[in-house]
C-alpha atoms as a PDB file:
ATOM      1  CA  MET A   1      24.753 -29.765  54.421  1.00  0.00           C
ATOM      2  CA  ALA A   2      21.708 -32.178  52.950  1.00  0.00           C
ATOM      3  CA  VAL A   3      22.406 -33.220  49.644  1.00  0.00           C
ATOM      4  CA  ASP A   4      19.701 -34.401  46.870  1.00  0.00           C
ATOM      5  CA  ALA A   5      19.705 -37.700  45.409  1.00  0.00           C
ATOM      6  CA  LYS A   6      22.374 -36.941  42.580  1.00  0.00           C
ATOM      7  CA  GLY A   7      24.446 -35.502  45.440  1.00  0.00           C
ATOM      8  CA  ARG A   8      24.103 -32.113  45.041  1.00  0.00           C
ATOM      9  CA  ARG A   9      24.084 -30.212  47.842  1.00  0.00           C
ATOM     10  CA  ARG A  10      21.290 -28.311  49.071  1.00  0.00           C
ATOM     11  CA  LEU A  11      20.601 -25.267  50.942  1.00  0.00           C
ATOM     12  CA  PRO A  12      17.186 -25.087  53.559  1.00  0.00           C
ATOM     13  CA  ARG A  13      14.872 -21.973  51.968  1.00  0.00           C
ATOM     14  CA  ARG A  14      16.231 -19.401  54.374  1.00  0.00           C
ATOM     15  CA  ALA A  15      19.562 -20.001  53.712  1.00  0.00           C
ATOM     16  CA  ALA A  16      19.115 -20.327  50.247  1.00  0.00           C
ATOM     17  CA  ALA A  17      17.091 -16.930  50.099  1.00  0.00           C
ATOM     18  CA  ARG A  18      19.433 -14.900  52.584  1.00  0.00           C
ATOM     19  CA  GLY A  19      22.647 -16.604  50.845  1.00  0.00           C
ATOM     20  CA  LEU A  20      21.347 -15.895  47.077  1.00  0.00           C
ATOM     21  CA  ALA A  21      23.350 -11.961  46.612  1.00  0.00           C
ATOM     22  CA  ALA A  22      26.127 -13.908  47.840  1.00  0.00           C
ATOM     23  CA  ARG A  23      26.177 -16.530  45.515  1.00  0.00           C
ATOM     24  CA  ASP A  24      24.930 -14.792  42.349  1.00  0.00           C
ATOM     25  CA  PRO A  25      26.696 -11.226  42.328  1.00  0.00           C
ATOM     26  CA  ALA A  26      25.775 -10.442  38.919  1.00  0.00           C
ATOM     27  CA  GLY A  27      22.184 -12.016  38.844  1.00  0.00           C
ATOM     28  CA  ALA A  28      21.810  -9.506  41.727  1.00  0.00           C
ATOM     29  CA  SER A  29      22.910  -6.502  39.912  1.00  0.00           C
ATOM     30  CA  GLY A  30      20.498  -7.598  36.968  1.00  0.00           C
ATOM     31  CA  ARG A  31      18.290  -7.571  38.812  1.00  0.00           C
ATOM     32  CA  THR A  32      19.259  -3.974  39.946  1.00  0.00           C
ATOM     33  CA  LEU A  33      19.752  -2.761  37.170  1.00  0.00           C
ATOM     34  CA  THR A  34      16.915  -3.869  35.320  1.00  0.00           C
ATOM     35  CA  PRO A  35      14.212  -1.510  36.606  1.00  0.00           C
ATOM     36  CA  GLY A  36      17.062   1.365  37.042  1.00  0.00           C
ATOM     37  CA  ALA A  37      17.393   1.182  33.613  1.00  0.00           C
ATOM     38  CA  GLY A  38      13.617   1.111  32.795  1.00  0.00           C
ATOM     39  CA  ARG A  39      13.033   4.818  34.956  1.00  0.00           C
ATOM     40  CA  VAL A  40      15.797   5.870  32.983  1.00  0.00           C
ATOM     41  CA  ILE A  41      13.895   5.734  29.799  1.00  0.00           C
ATOM     42  CA  GLY A  42      10.784   6.919  30.658  1.00  0.00           C
ATOM     43  CA  TRP A  43      12.593  10.260  32.366  1.00  0.00           C
ATOM     44  CA  PHE A  44      14.444  10.270  28.887  1.00  0.00           C
ATOM     45  CA  VAL A  45      11.238   9.729  26.899  1.00  0.00           C
ATOM     46  CA  GLN A  46       9.840  12.120  29.057  1.00  0.00           C
ATOM     47  CA  LEU A  47      12.269  15.226  29.406  1.00  0.00           C
ATOM     48  CA  VAL A  48      14.526  14.868  26.629  1.00  0.00           C
ATOM     49  CA  HIS A  49      12.911  12.830  23.337  1.00  0.00           C
ATOM     50  CA  TYR A  50       8.623  13.749  22.907  1.00  0.00           C
ATOM     51  CA  PRO A  51       9.364  17.912  24.124  1.00  0.00           C
ATOM     52  CA  LEU A  52      11.541  17.829  21.018  1.00  0.00           C
ATOM     53  CA  LEU A  53       9.014  16.440  18.962  1.00  0.00           C
ATOM     54  CA  ASP A  54       7.360  19.333  18.265  1.00  0.00           C
ATOM     55  CA  ARG A  55      10.358  21.665  17.131  1.00  0.00           C
ATOM     56  CA  THR A  56      10.630  19.918  13.516  1.00  0.00           C
ATOM     57  CA  PRO A  57       8.462  21.683  10.991  1.00  0.00           C
ATOM     58  CA  ALA A  58       5.948  19.541   9.570  1.00  0.00           C
ATOM     59  CA  ALA A  59       7.085  19.148   6.667  1.00  0.00           C
ATOM     60  CA  ALA A  60      10.371  17.633   7.255  1.00  0.00           C
ATOM     61  CA  PHE A  61       8.635  15.620  10.190  1.00  0.00           C
ATOM     62  CA  PRO A  62       8.089  11.938   8.162  1.00  0.00           C
ATOM     63  CA  GLU A  63      11.696  12.432   7.479  1.00  0.00           C
ATOM     64  CA  PHE A  64      12.165  12.942  10.949  1.00  0.00           C
ATOM     65  CA  ALA A  65      10.720  10.426  12.447  1.00  0.00           C
ATOM     66  CA  ARG A  66      11.784   7.941  10.030  1.00  0.00           C
ATOM     67  CA  ALA A  67      15.514   8.873  11.647  1.00  0.00           C
ATOM     68  CA  TYR A  68      14.828   9.009  15.036  1.00  0.00           C
ATOM     69  CA  GLN A  69      12.530   5.758  15.132  1.00  0.00           C
ATOM     70  CA  ARG A  70      15.603   3.972  13.229  1.00  0.00           C
ATOM     71  CA  ARG A  71      17.891   5.537  15.982  1.00  0.00           C
ATOM     72  CA  THR A  72      15.916   4.930  18.435  1.00  0.00           C
ATOM     73  CA  PHE A  73      15.697   0.991  17.062  1.00  0.00           C
ATOM     74  CA  GLY A  74      19.226   0.475  18.207  1.00  0.00           C
ATOM     75  CA  ILE A  75      19.365   2.346  21.800  1.00  0.00           C
ATOM     76  CA  VAL A  76      15.824   0.905  22.718  1.00  0.00           C
ATOM     77  CA  LEU A  77      15.112  -2.421  20.671  1.00  0.00           C
ATOM     78  CA  LEU A  78      18.206  -3.996  20.140  1.00  0.00           C
ATOM     79  CA  PRO A  79      19.246  -4.001  24.206  1.00  0.00           C
ATOM     80  CA  MET A  80      15.663  -5.859  25.508  1.00  0.00           C
ATOM     81  CA  ALA A  81      15.797  -8.277  22.009  1.00  0.00           C
ATOM     82  CA  VAL A  82      19.655  -9.581  23.727  1.00  0.00           C
ATOM     83  CA  ILE A  83      18.109  -9.207  27.385  1.00  0.00           C
ATOM     84  CA  TRP A  84      14.355 -11.298  26.378  1.00  0.00           C
ATOM     85  CA  LEU A  85      16.469 -13.743  24.604  1.00  0.00           C
ATOM     86  CA  SER A  86      18.902 -14.401  27.040  1.00  0.00           C
ATOM     87  CA  THR A  87      15.891 -13.908  29.774  1.00  0.00           C
ATOM     88  CA  ALA A  88      13.573 -17.268  27.656  1.00  0.00           C
ATOM     89  CA  ILE A  89      16.323 -18.929  26.658  1.00  0.00           C
ATOM     90  CA  PHE A  90      18.973 -19.419  29.325  1.00  0.00           C
ATOM     91  CA  GLN A  91      17.968 -18.237  32.442  1.00  0.00           C
ATOM     92  CA  ALA A  92      14.078 -19.562  32.928  1.00  0.00           C
ATOM     93  CA  PRO A  93      15.046 -22.504  32.127  1.00  0.00           C
ATOM     94  CA  GLN A  94      18.468 -22.581  34.462  1.00  0.00           C
ATOM     95  CA  HIS A  95      15.960 -21.199  37.416  1.00  0.00           C
ATOM     96  CA  LEU A  96      13.621 -23.819  36.864  1.00  0.00           C
ATOM     97  CA  ALA A  97      16.393 -26.344  37.120  1.00  0.00           C
ATOM     98  CA  LEU A  98      17.690 -24.673  40.366  1.00  0.00           C
ATOM     99  CA  ALA A  99      13.970 -24.760  41.997  1.00  0.00           C
ATOM    100  CA  ARG A 100      14.580 -28.668  42.187  1.00  0.00           C
ATOM    101  CA  GLY A 101      17.660 -28.266  43.898  1.00  0.00           C
ATOM    102  CA  PHE A 102      21.241 -26.736  43.889  1.00  0.00           C
ATOM    103  CA  ASP A 103      23.108 -27.052  41.456  1.00  0.00           C
ATOM    104  CA  ALA A 104      27.435 -25.667  41.253  1.00  0.00           C
ATOM    105  CA  GLU A 105      27.626 -26.267  37.539  1.00  0.00           C
ATOM    106  CA  LEU A 106      23.777 -25.095  36.802  1.00  0.00           C
ATOM    107  CA  HIS A 107      24.375 -21.709  39.138  1.00  0.00           C
ATOM    108  CA  GLY A 108      27.800 -21.229  36.966  1.00  0.00           C
ATOM    109  CA  ARG A 109      25.789 -21.268  34.232  1.00  0.00           C
ATOM    110  CA  LEU A 110      23.228 -18.711  35.111  1.00  0.00           C
ATOM    111  CA  VAL A 111      25.880 -16.254  36.351  1.00  0.00           C
ATOM    112  CA  ARG A 112      27.772 -16.626  33.136  1.00  0.00           C
ATOM    113  CA  PHE A 113      25.078 -16.044  30.921  1.00  0.00           C
ATOM    114  CA  ASN A 114      23.308 -13.362  33.239  1.00  0.00           C
ATOM    115  CA  TRP A 115      26.751 -10.939  32.019  1.00  0.00           C
ATOM    116  CA  ALA A 116      24.736 -10.465  28.378  1.00  0.00           C
ATOM    117  CA  ARG A 117      21.770  -9.219  30.454  1.00  0.00           C
ATOM    118  CA  THR A 118      23.543  -6.896  33.032  1.00  0.00           C
ATOM    119  CA  ALA A 119      25.606  -5.856  30.121  1.00  0.00           C
ATOM    120  CA  ALA A 120      22.869  -4.667  27.536  1.00  0.00           C
ATOM    121  CA  TRP A 121      20.868  -3.184  30.533  1.00  0.00           C
ATOM    122  CA  THR A 122      24.129  -1.210  31.737  1.00  0.00           C
ATOM    123  CA  GLY A 123      24.964  -0.207  28.107  1.00  0.00           C
ATOM    124  CA  ARG A 124      21.497   0.843  26.735  1.00  0.00           C
ATOM    125  CA  SER A 125      21.626   2.824  30.268  1.00  0.00           C
ATOM    126  CA  LEU A 126      24.497   4.481  29.554  1.00  0.00           C
ATOM    127  CA  LEU A 127      24.425   5.508  25.794  1.00  0.00           C
ATOM    128  CA  LEU A 128      20.740   6.923  27.216  1.00  0.00           C
ATOM    129  CA  LEU A 129      22.521   9.040  29.244  1.00  0.00           C
ATOM    130  CA  TRP A 130      25.384   9.805  27.064  1.00  0.00           C
ATOM    131  CA  ILE A 131      22.014  11.339  24.736  1.00  0.00           C
ATOM    132  CA  ALA A 132      20.525  13.414  27.194  1.00  0.00           C
ATOM    133  CA  THR A 133      23.401  15.305  28.376  1.00  0.00           C
ATOM    134  CA  ARG A 134      24.389  15.932  24.270  1.00  0.00           C
ATOM    135  CA  MET A 135      21.155  16.986  23.759  1.00  0.00           C
ATOM    136  CA  GLY A 136      20.853  19.284  26.299  1.00  0.00           C
END
């Protein structure tokens, strides 16, 4: 196996690409959950959230709108903030560093920090599914 100037092992591009999911199961699951969570949110909004808006009397609607916005904030915005911040602060810089050559320590940090994103996407998806089943 080839090593770079700092003694870190380097894989040929094809081998590195093929082995990424095996070496980075949390990253692979995070990439899999990301589009799935977006679809769950889209379906929830389309089938549950927006159709229920017209069931509130006009006089009570402003208070209702503020209440659902507060509740939606915790479900949508807080997990998204965790995901975006984690991506900007941890994952993106580590991916840029790994592009210069494989580093086992850096790779380990990437996998560990990605658990925050994976947990945020999973938690949000489960919460939305729970809400959808309760509002039937």
